[in-house]
Amino acid sequence: DNAKNTVYLQMNNLKPEDTAVYYCAITDRVADNYWI
C-alpha cells in the first residue's frame, strides 16, 4: 500500500512448519541478479 508505505504478507493455508519469527527487510543493492 504505497499511500501507507506498508508491505503485507497474506498467509493462507498455514502449516505447522510455517511457525517462525517473521521479519521484513529492505535494501537498495540487490537489483542486479535479484533472483539470487
ModelCIF file with pLDDT and N, C-alpha, C, O atoms, coordinates in Angstrom:
data_MODEL
#
_entry.id   MODEL 
#
_entity.id                         1 
_entity.type                       polymer 
_entity.pdbx_number_of_molecules   1 
#
_entity_poly.entity_id                      1 
_entity_poly.type                           'polypeptide(L)' 
_entity_poly.nstd_linkage                   no 
_entity_poly.nstd_monomer                   no 
_entity_poly.pdbx_seq_one_letter_code       DNAKNTVYLQMNNLKPEDTAVYYCAITDRVADNYWI 
_entity_poly.pdbx_seq_one_letter_code_can   DNAKNTVYLQMNNLKPEDTAVYYCAITDRVADNYWI 
_entity_poly.pdbx_strand_id                 A 
#
loop_
_entity_poly_seq.entity_id 
_entity_poly_seq.num 
_entity_poly_seq.mon_id 
_entity_poly_seq.hetero 
1 1  ASP n 
1 2  ASN n 
1 3  ALA n 
1 4  LYS n 
1 5  ASN n 
1 6  THR n 
1 7  VAL n 
1 8  TYR n 
1 9  LEU n 
1 10 GLN n 
1 11 MET n 
1 12 ASN n 
1 13 ASN n 
1 14 LEU n 
1 15 LYS n 
1 16 PRO n 
1 17 GLU n 
1 18 ASP n 
1 19 THR n 
1 20 ALA n 
1 21 VAL n 
1 22 TYR n 
1 23 TYR n 
1 24 CYS n 
1 25 ALA n 
1 26 ILE n 
1 27 THR n 
1 28 ASP n 
1 29 ARG n 
1 30 VAL n 
1 31 ALA n 
1 32 ASP n 
1 33 ASN n 
1 34 TYR n 
1 35 TRP n 
1 36 ILE n 
#
_struct_asym.id          A 
_struct_asym.entity_id   1 
#
loop_
_ma_qa_metric.id 
_ma_qa_metric.mode 
_ma_qa_metric.name 
_ma_qa_metric.software_group_id 
_ma_qa_metric.type 
1 global pLDDT . pLDDT 
2 local  pLDDT . pLDDT 
#
_ma_qa_metric_global.metric_id      1 
_ma_qa_metric_global.metric_value   93.92 
_ma_qa_metric_global.model_id       1 
_ma_qa_metric_global.ordinal_id     1 
#
loop_
_ma_qa_metric_local.label_asym_id 
_ma_qa_metric_local.label_comp_id 
_ma_qa_metric_local.label_seq_id 
_ma_qa_metric_local.metric_id 
_ma_qa_metric_local.metric_value 
_ma_qa_metric_local.model_id 
_ma_qa_metric_local.ordinal_id 
A ASP 1  2 89.00 1 1  
A ASN 2  2 82.00 1 2  
A ALA 3  2 85.00 1 3  
A LYS 4  2 89.00 1 4  
A ASN 5  2 88.00 1 5  
A THR 6  2 92.00 1 6  
A VAL 7  2 94.00 1 7  
A TYR 8  2 96.00 1 8  
A LEU 9  2 98.00 1 9  
A GLN 10 2 98.00 1 10 
A MET 11 2 98.00 1 11 
A ASN 12 2 98.00 1 12 
A ASN 13 2 98.00 1 13 
A LEU 14 2 98.00 1 14 
A LYS 15 2 98.00 1 15 
A PRO 16 2 98.00 1 16 
A GLU 17 2 97.00 1 17 
A ASP 18 2 98.00 1 18 
A THR 19 2 98.00 1 19 
A ALA 20 2 98.00 1 20 
A VAL 21 2 98.00 1 21 
A TYR 22 2 98.00 1 22 
A TYR 23 2 98.00 1 23 
A CYS 24 2 97.00 1 24 
A ALA 25 2 97.00 1 25 
A ILE 26 2 95.00 1 26 
A THR 27 2 94.00 1 27 
A ASP 28 2 90.00 1 28 
A ARG 29 2 90.00 1 29 
A VAL 30 2 92.00 1 30 
A ALA 31 2 84.00 1 31 
A ASP 32 2 87.00 1 32 
A ASN 33 2 91.00 1 33 
A TYR 34 2 93.00 1 34 
A TRP 35 2 92.00 1 35 
A ILE 36 2 95.00 1 36 
#
loop_
_atom_site.group_PDB 
_atom_site.id 
_atom_site.type_symbol 
_atom_site.label_atom_id 
_atom_site.label_alt_id 
_atom_site.label_comp_id 
_atom_site.label_asym_id 
_atom_site.label_entity_id 
_atom_site.label_seq_id 
_atom_site.pdbx_PDB_ins_code 
_atom_site.Cartn_x 
_atom_site.Cartn_y 
_atom_site.Cartn_z 
_atom_site.occupancy 
_atom_site.B_iso_or_equiv 
_atom_site.pdbx_formal_charge 
_atom_site.auth_seq_id 
_atom_site.auth_comp_id 
_atom_site.auth_asym_id 
_atom_site.auth_atom_id 
_atom_site.pdbx_PDB_model_num 
ATOM 1   N N  . ASP A 1 1  ? 0.873  -1.157  0.000   1.00 89.00 ? 1  ASP A N  1 
ATOM 2   C CA . ASP A 1 1  ? 0.000  0.000   0.000   1.00 89.00 ? 1  ASP A CA 1 
ATOM 3   C C  . ASP A 1 1  ? 0.915  1.212   0.000   1.00 89.00 ? 1  ASP A C  1 
ATOM 4   O O  . ASP A 1 1  ? 1.465  1.580   1.038   1.00 89.00 ? 1  ASP A O  1 
ATOM 5   N N  . ASN A 1 2  ? 1.078  1.829   -1.155  1.00 82.00 ? 2  ASN A N  1 
ATOM 6   C CA . ASN A 1 2  ? 2.021  2.933   -1.280  1.00 82.00 ? 2  ASN A CA 1 
ATOM 7   C C  . ASN A 1 2  ? 1.630  4.135   -0.416  1.00 82.00 ? 2  ASN A C  1 
ATOM 8   O O  . ASN A 1 2  ? 2.497  4.804   0.145   1.00 82.00 ? 2  ASN A O  1 
ATOM 9   N N  . ALA A 1 3  ? 0.340  4.405   -0.311  1.00 85.00 ? 3  ALA A N  1 
ATOM 10  C CA . ALA A 1 3  ? -0.113 5.543   0.480   1.00 85.00 ? 3  ALA A CA 1 
ATOM 11  C C  . ALA A 1 3  ? 0.257  5.394   1.945   1.00 85.00 ? 3  ALA A C  1 
ATOM 12  O O  . ALA A 1 3  ? 0.569  6.380   2.611   1.00 85.00 ? 3  ALA A O  1 
ATOM 13  N N  . LYS A 1 4  ? 0.224  4.171   2.449   1.00 89.00 ? 4  LYS A N  1 
ATOM 14  C CA . LYS A 1 4  ? 0.560  3.903   3.840   1.00 89.00 ? 4  LYS A CA 1 
ATOM 15  C C  . LYS A 1 4  ? 2.009  3.497   4.031   1.00 89.00 ? 4  LYS A C  1 
ATOM 16  O O  . LYS A 1 4  ? 2.453  3.283   5.159   1.00 89.00 ? 4  LYS A O  1 
ATOM 17  N N  . ASN A 1 5  ? 2.756  3.389   2.925   1.00 88.00 ? 5  ASN A N  1 
ATOM 18  C CA . ASN A 1 5  ? 4.153  2.958   2.982   1.00 88.00 ? 5  ASN A CA 1 
ATOM 19  C C  . ASN A 1 5  ? 4.279  1.645   3.754   1.00 88.00 ? 5  ASN A C  1 
ATOM 20  O O  . ASN A 1 5  ? 5.132  1.496   4.629   1.00 88.00 ? 5  ASN A O  1 
ATOM 21  N N  . THR A 1 6  ? 3.419  0.712   3.410   1.00 92.00 ? 6  THR A N  1 
ATOM 22  C CA . THR A 1 6  ? 3.316  -0.538  4.138   1.00 92.00 ? 6  THR A CA 1 
ATOM 23  C C  . THR A 1 6  ? 3.327  -1.719  3.174   1.00 92.00 ? 6  THR A C  1 
ATOM 24  O O  . THR A 1 6  ? 2.725  -1.667  2.102   1.00 92.00 ? 6  THR A O  1 
ATOM 25  N N  . VAL A 1 7  ? 4.011  -2.770  3.566   1.00 94.00 ? 7  VAL A N  1 
ATOM 26  C CA . VAL A 1 7  ? 4.060  -4.019  2.817   1.00 94.00 ? 7  VAL A CA 1 
ATOM 27  C C  . VAL A 1 7  ? 3.354  -5.094  3.628   1.00 94.00 ? 7  VAL A C  1 
ATOM 28  O O  . VAL A 1 7  ? 3.458  -5.127  4.854   1.00 94.00 ? 7  VAL A O  1 
ATOM 29  N N  . TYR A 1 8  ? 2.642  -5.966  2.942   1.00 96.00 ? 8  TYR A N  1 
ATOM 30  C CA . TYR A 1 8  ? 1.870  -7.008  3.594   1.00 96.00 ? 8  TYR A CA 1 
ATOM 31  C C  . TYR A 1 8  ? 2.322  -8.381  3.130   1.00 96.00 ? 8  TYR A C  1 
ATOM 32  O O  . TYR A 1 8  ? 2.841  -8.544  2.025   1.00 96.00 ? 8  TYR A O  1 
ATOM 33  N N  . LEU A 1 9  ? 2.119  -9.352  3.984   1.00 98.00 ? 9  LEU A N  1 
ATOM 34  C CA . LEU A 1 9  ? 2.279  -10.749 3.620   1.00 98.00 ? 9  LEU A CA 1 
ATOM 35  C C  . LEU A 1 9  ? 1.020  -11.482 4.049   1.00 98.00 ? 9  LEU A C  1 
ATOM 36  O O  . LEU A 1 9  ? 0.810  -11.740 5.235   1.00 98.00 ? 9  LEU A O  1 
ATOM 37  N N  . GLN A 1 10 ? 0.185  -11.816 3.073   1.00 98.00 ? 10 GLN A N  1 
ATOM 38  C CA . GLN A 1 10 ? -1.009 -12.601 3.339   1.00 98.00 ? 10 GLN A CA 1 
ATOM 39  C C  . GLN A 1 10 ? -0.631 -14.068 3.324   1.00 98.00 ? 10 GLN A C  1 
ATOM 40  O O  . GLN A 1 10 ? -0.113 -14.567 2.324   1.00 98.00 ? 10 GLN A O  1 
ATOM 41  N N  . MET A 1 11 ? -0.881 -14.763 4.417   1.00 98.00 ? 11 MET A N  1 
ATOM 42  C CA . MET A 1 11 ? -0.507 -16.156 4.559   1.00 98.00 ? 11 MET A CA 1 
ATOM 43  C C  . MET A 1 11 ? -1.766 -16.986 4.733   1.00 98.00 ? 11 MET A C  1 
ATOM 44  O O  . MET A 1 11 ? -2.487 -16.837 5.720   1.00 98.00 ? 11 MET A O  1 
ATOM 45  N N  . ASN A 1 12 ? -2.026 -17.860 3.771   1.00 98.00 ? 12 ASN A N  1 
ATOM 46  C CA . ASN A 1 12 ? -3.191 -18.735 3.801   1.00 98.00 ? 12 ASN A CA 1 
ATOM 47  C C  . ASN A 1 12 ? -2.752 -20.188 3.907   1.00 98.00 ? 12 ASN A C  1 
ATOM 48  O O  . ASN A 1 12 ? -1.612 -20.538 3.604   1.00 98.00 ? 12 ASN A O  1 
ATOM 49  N N  . ASN A 1 13 ? -3.686 -21.023 4.345   1.00 98.00 ? 13 ASN A N  1 
ATOM 50  C CA . ASN A 1 13 ? -3.417 -22.454 4.485   1.00 98.00 ? 13 ASN A CA 1 
ATOM 51  C C  . ASN A 1 13 ? -2.128 -22.703 5.258   1.00 98.00 ? 13 ASN A C  1 
ATOM 52  O O  . ASN A 1 13 ? -1.250 -23.440 4.811   1.00 98.00 ? 13 ASN A O  1 
ATOM 53  N N  . LEU A 1 14 ? -2.033 -22.082 6.412   1.00 98.00 ? 14 LEU A N  1 
ATOM 54  C CA . LEU A 1 14 ? -0.814 -22.180 7.204   1.00 98.00 ? 14 LEU A CA 1 
ATOM 55  C C  . LEU A 1 14 ? -0.582 -23.598 7.699   1.00 98.00 ? 14 LEU A C  1 
ATOM 56  O O  . LEU A 1 14 ? -1.523 -24.340 7.981   1.00 98.00 ? 14 LEU A O  1 
ATOM 57  N N  . LYS A 1 15 ? 0.689  -23.956 7.798   1.00 98.00 ? 15 LYS A N  1 
ATOM 58  C CA . LYS A 1 15 ? 1.118  -25.260 8.243   1.00 98.00 ? 15 LYS A CA 1 
ATOM 59  C C  . LYS A 1 15 ? 2.001  -25.116 9.475   1.00 98.00 ? 15 LYS A C  1 
ATOM 60  O O  . LYS A 1 15 ? 2.600  -24.060 9.676   1.00 98.00 ? 15 LYS A O  1 
ATOM 61  N N  . PRO A 1 16 ? 2.096  -26.157 10.307  1.00 98.00 ? 16 PRO A N  1 
ATOM 62  C CA . PRO A 1 16 ? 2.974  -26.065 11.480  1.00 98.00 ? 16 PRO A CA 1 
ATOM 63  C C  . PRO A 1 16 ? 4.403  -25.685 11.134  1.00 98.00 ? 16 PRO A C  1 
ATOM 64  O O  . PRO A 1 16 ? 5.056  -24.996 11.918  1.00 98.00 ? 16 PRO A O  1 
ATOM 65  N N  . GLU A 1 17 ? 4.904  -26.110 9.990   1.00 97.00 ? 17 GLU A N  1 
ATOM 66  C CA . GLU A 1 17 ? 6.260  -25.776 9.600   1.00 97.00 ? 17 GLU A CA 1 
ATOM 67  C C  . GLU A 1 17 ? 6.439  -24.308 9.238   1.00 97.00 ? 17 GLU A C  1 
ATOM 68  O O  . GLU A 1 17 ? 7.567  -23.861 9.026   1.00 97.00 ? 17 GLU A O  1 
ATOM 69  N N  . ASP A 1 18 ? 5.345  -23.546 9.163   1.00 98.00 ? 18 ASP A N  1 
ATOM 70  C CA . ASP A 1 18 ? 5.436  -22.108 8.961   1.00 98.00 ? 18 ASP A CA 1 
ATOM 71  C C  . ASP A 1 18 ? 5.731  -21.364 10.261  1.00 98.00 ? 18 ASP A C  1 
ATOM 72  O O  . ASP A 1 18 ? 5.992  -20.161 10.236  1.00 98.00 ? 18 ASP A O  1 
ATOM 73  N N  . THR A 1 19 ? 5.695  -22.053 11.380  1.00 98.00 ? 19 THR A N  1 
ATOM 74  C CA . THR A 1 19 ? 5.965  -21.428 12.671  1.00 98.00 ? 19 THR A CA 1 
ATOM 75  C C  . THR A 1 19 ? 7.367  -20.829 12.679  1.00 98.00 ? 19 THR A C  1 
ATOM 76  O O  . THR A 1 19 ? 8.346  -21.525 12.412  1.00 98.00 ? 19 THR A O  1 
ATOM 77  N N  . ALA A 1 20 ? 7.461  -19.549 12.984  1.00 98.00 ? 20 ALA A N  1 
ATOM 78  C CA . ALA A 1 20 ? 8.739  -18.844 12.978  1.00 98.00 ? 20 ALA A CA 1 
ATOM 79  C C  . ALA A 1 20 ? 8.509  -17.402 13.401  1.00 98.00 ? 20 ALA A C  1 
ATOM 80  O O  . ALA A 1 20 ? 7.372  -16.945 13.523  1.00 98.00 ? 20 ALA A O  1 
ATOM 81  N N  . VAL A 1 21 ? 9.605  -16.701 13.620  1.00 98.00 ? 21 VAL A N  1 
ATOM 82  C CA . VAL A 1 21 ? 9.562  -15.251 13.725  1.00 98.00 ? 21 VAL A CA 1 
ATOM 83  C C  . VAL A 1 21 ? 9.735  -14.696 12.319  1.00 98.00 ? 21 VAL A C  1 
ATOM 84  O O  . VAL A 1 21 ? 10.689 -15.043 11.622  1.00 98.00 ? 21 VAL A O  1 
ATOM 85  N N  . TYR A 1 22 ? 8.822  -13.843 11.907  1.00 98.00 ? 22 TYR A N  1 
ATOM 86  C CA . TYR A 1 22 ? 8.841  -13.280 10.565  1.00 98.00 ? 22 TYR A CA 1 
ATOM 87  C C  . TYR A 1 22 ? 9.355  -11.848 10.613  1.00 98.00 ? 22 TYR A C  1 
ATOM 88  O O  . TYR A 1 22 ? 8.919  -11.042 11.435  1.00 98.00 ? 22 TYR A O  1 
ATOM 89  N N  . TYR A 1 23 ? 10.283 -11.549 9.722   1.00 98.00 ? 23 TYR A N  1 
ATOM 90  C CA . TYR A 1 23 ? 10.906 -10.241 9.638   1.00 98.00 ? 23 TYR A CA 1 
ATOM 91  C C  . TYR A 1 23 ? 10.696 -9.647  8.251   1.00 98.00 ? 23 TYR A C  1 
ATOM 92  O O  . TYR A 1 23 ? 10.690 -10.367 7.252   1.00 98.00 ? 23 TYR A O  1 
ATOM 93  N N  . CYS A 1 24 ? 10.525 -8.335  8.195   1.00 97.00 ? 24 CYS A N  1 
ATOM 94  C CA . CYS A 1 24 ? 10.603 -7.647  6.922   1.00 97.00 ? 24 CYS A CA 1 
ATOM 95  C C  . CYS A 1 24 ? 11.922 -6.898  6.842   1.00 97.00 ? 24 CYS A C  1 
ATOM 96  O O  . CYS A 1 24 ? 12.506 -6.535  7.864   1.00 97.00 ? 24 CYS A O  1 
ATOM 97  N N  . ALA A 1 25 ? 12.383 -6.673  5.628   1.00 97.00 ? 25 ALA A N  1 
ATOM 98  C CA . ALA A 1 25 ? 13.679 -6.048  5.418   1.00 97.00 ? 25 ALA A CA 1 
ATOM 99  C C  . ALA A 1 25 ? 13.675 -5.283  4.103   1.00 97.00 ? 25 ALA A C  1 
ATOM 100 O O  . ALA A 1 25 ? 12.863 -5.541  3.214   1.00 97.00 ? 25 ALA A O  1 
ATOM 101 N N  . ILE A 1 26 ? 14.609 -4.330  4.000   1.00 95.00 ? 26 ILE A N  1 
ATOM 102 C CA . ILE A 1 26 ? 14.721 -3.524  2.795   1.00 95.00 ? 26 ILE A CA 1 
ATOM 103 C C  . ILE A 1 26 ? 16.190 -3.311  2.461   1.00 95.00 ? 26 ILE A C  1 
ATOM 104 O O  . ILE A 1 26 ? 17.036 -3.231  3.352   1.00 95.00 ? 26 ILE A O  1 
ATOM 105 N N  . THR A 1 27 ? 16.483 -3.221  1.177   1.00 94.00 ? 27 THR A N  1 
ATOM 106 C CA . THR A 1 27 ? 17.837 -2.950  0.717   1.00 94.00 ? 27 THR A CA 1 
ATOM 107 C C  . THR A 1 27 ? 17.758 -2.271  -0.647  1.00 94.00 ? 27 THR A C  1 
ATOM 108 O O  . THR A 1 27 ? 16.745 -2.360  -1.341  1.00 94.00 ? 27 THR A O  1 
ATOM 109 N N  . ASP A 1 28 ? 18.833 -1.597  -1.018  1.00 90.00 ? 28 ASP A N  1 
ATOM 110 C CA . ASP A 1 28 ? 18.894 -0.949  -2.330  1.00 90.00 ? 28 ASP A CA 1 
ATOM 111 C C  . ASP A 1 28 ? 20.054 -1.476  -3.169  1.00 90.00 ? 28 ASP A C  1 
ATOM 112 O O  . ASP A 1 28 ? 20.507 -0.797  -4.091  1.00 90.00 ? 28 ASP A O  1 
ATOM 113 N N  . ARG A 1 29 ? 20.532 -2.656  -2.866  1.00 90.00 ? 29 ARG A N  1 
ATOM 114 C CA . ARG A 1 29 ? 21.701 -3.176  -3.552  1.00 90.00 ? 29 ARG A CA 1 
ATOM 115 C C  . ARG A 1 29 ? 21.557 -4.618  -4.030  1.00 90.00 ? 29 ARG A C  1 
ATOM 116 O O  . ARG A 1 29 ? 22.539 -5.360  -4.059  1.00 90.00 ? 29 ARG A O  1 
ATOM 117 N N  . VAL A 1 30 ? 20.370 -5.011  -4.397  1.00 92.00 ? 30 VAL A N  1 
ATOM 118 C CA . VAL A 1 30 ? 20.168 -6.352  -4.938  1.00 92.00 ? 30 VAL A CA 1 
ATOM 119 C C  . VAL A 1 30 ? 19.435 -6.332  -6.271  1.00 92.00 ? 30 VAL A C  1 
ATOM 120 O O  . VAL A 1 30 ? 18.941 -7.365  -6.723  1.00 92.00 ? 30 VAL A O  1 
ATOM 121 N N  . ALA A 1 31 ? 19.361 -5.161  -6.906  1.00 84.00 ? 31 ALA A N  1 
ATOM 122 C CA . ALA A 1 31 ? 18.627 -5.061  -8.161  1.00 84.00 ? 31 ALA A CA 1 
ATOM 123 C C  . ALA A 1 31 ? 19.250 -5.931  -9.252  1.00 84.00 ? 31 ALA A C  1 
ATOM 124 O O  . ALA A 1 31 ? 18.535 -6.539  -10.048 1.00 84.00 ? 31 ALA A O  1 
ATOM 125 N N  . ASP A 1 32 ? 20.570 -5.989  -9.286  1.00 87.00 ? 32 ASP A N  1 
ATOM 126 C CA . ASP A 1 32 ? 21.232 -6.873  -10.230 1.00 87.00 ? 32 ASP A CA 1 
ATOM 127 C C  . ASP A 1 32 ? 21.278 -8.283  -9.649  1.00 87.00 ? 32 ASP A C  1 
ATOM 128 O O  . ASP A 1 32 ? 21.580 -8.479  -8.472  1.00 87.00 ? 32 ASP A O  1 
ATOM 129 N N  . ASN A 1 33 ? 20.973 -9.252  -10.498 1.00 91.00 ? 33 ASN A N  1 
ATOM 130 C CA . ASN A 1 33 ? 20.917 -10.648 -10.070 1.00 91.00 ? 33 ASN A CA 1 
ATOM 131 C C  . ASN A 1 33 ? 19.953 -10.844 -8.904  1.00 91.00 ? 33 ASN A C  1 
ATOM 132 O O  . ASN A 1 33 ? 20.267 -11.549 -7.945  1.00 91.00 ? 33 ASN A O  1 
ATOM 133 N N  . TYR A 1 34 ? 18.794 -10.228 -8.989  1.00 93.00 ? 34 TYR A N  1 
ATOM 134 C CA . TYR A 1 34 ? 17.842 -10.250 -7.887  1.00 93.00 ? 34 TYR A CA 1 
ATOM 135 C C  . TYR A 1 34 ? 17.415 -11.678 -7.544  1.00 93.00 ? 34 TYR A C  1 
ATOM 136 O O  . TYR A 1 34 ? 17.233 -12.001 -6.370  1.00 93.00 ? 34 TYR A O  1 
ATOM 137 N N  . TRP A 1 35 ? 17.257 -12.518 -8.533  1.00 92.00 ? 35 TRP A N  1 
ATOM 138 C CA . TRP A 1 35 ? 16.777 -13.874 -8.276  1.00 92.00 ? 35 TRP A CA 1 
ATOM 139 C C  . TRP A 1 35 ? 17.697 -14.640 -7.340  1.00 92.00 ? 35 TRP A C  1 
ATOM 140 O O  . TRP A 1 35 ? 17.269 -15.584 -6.676  1.00 92.00 ? 35 TRP A O  1 
ATOM 141 N N  . ILE A 1 36 ? 18.949 -14.239 -7.286  1.00 95.00 ? 36 ILE A N  1 
ATOM 142 C CA . ILE A 1 36 ? 19.905 -14.853 -6.368  1.00 95.00 ? 36 ILE A CA 1 
ATOM 143 C C  . ILE A 1 36 ? 20.118 -13.975 -5.146  1.00 95.00 ? 36 ILE A C  1 
ATOM 144 O O  . ILE A 1 36 ? 20.893 -14.330 -4.258  1.00 95.00 ? 36 ILE A O  1 
#
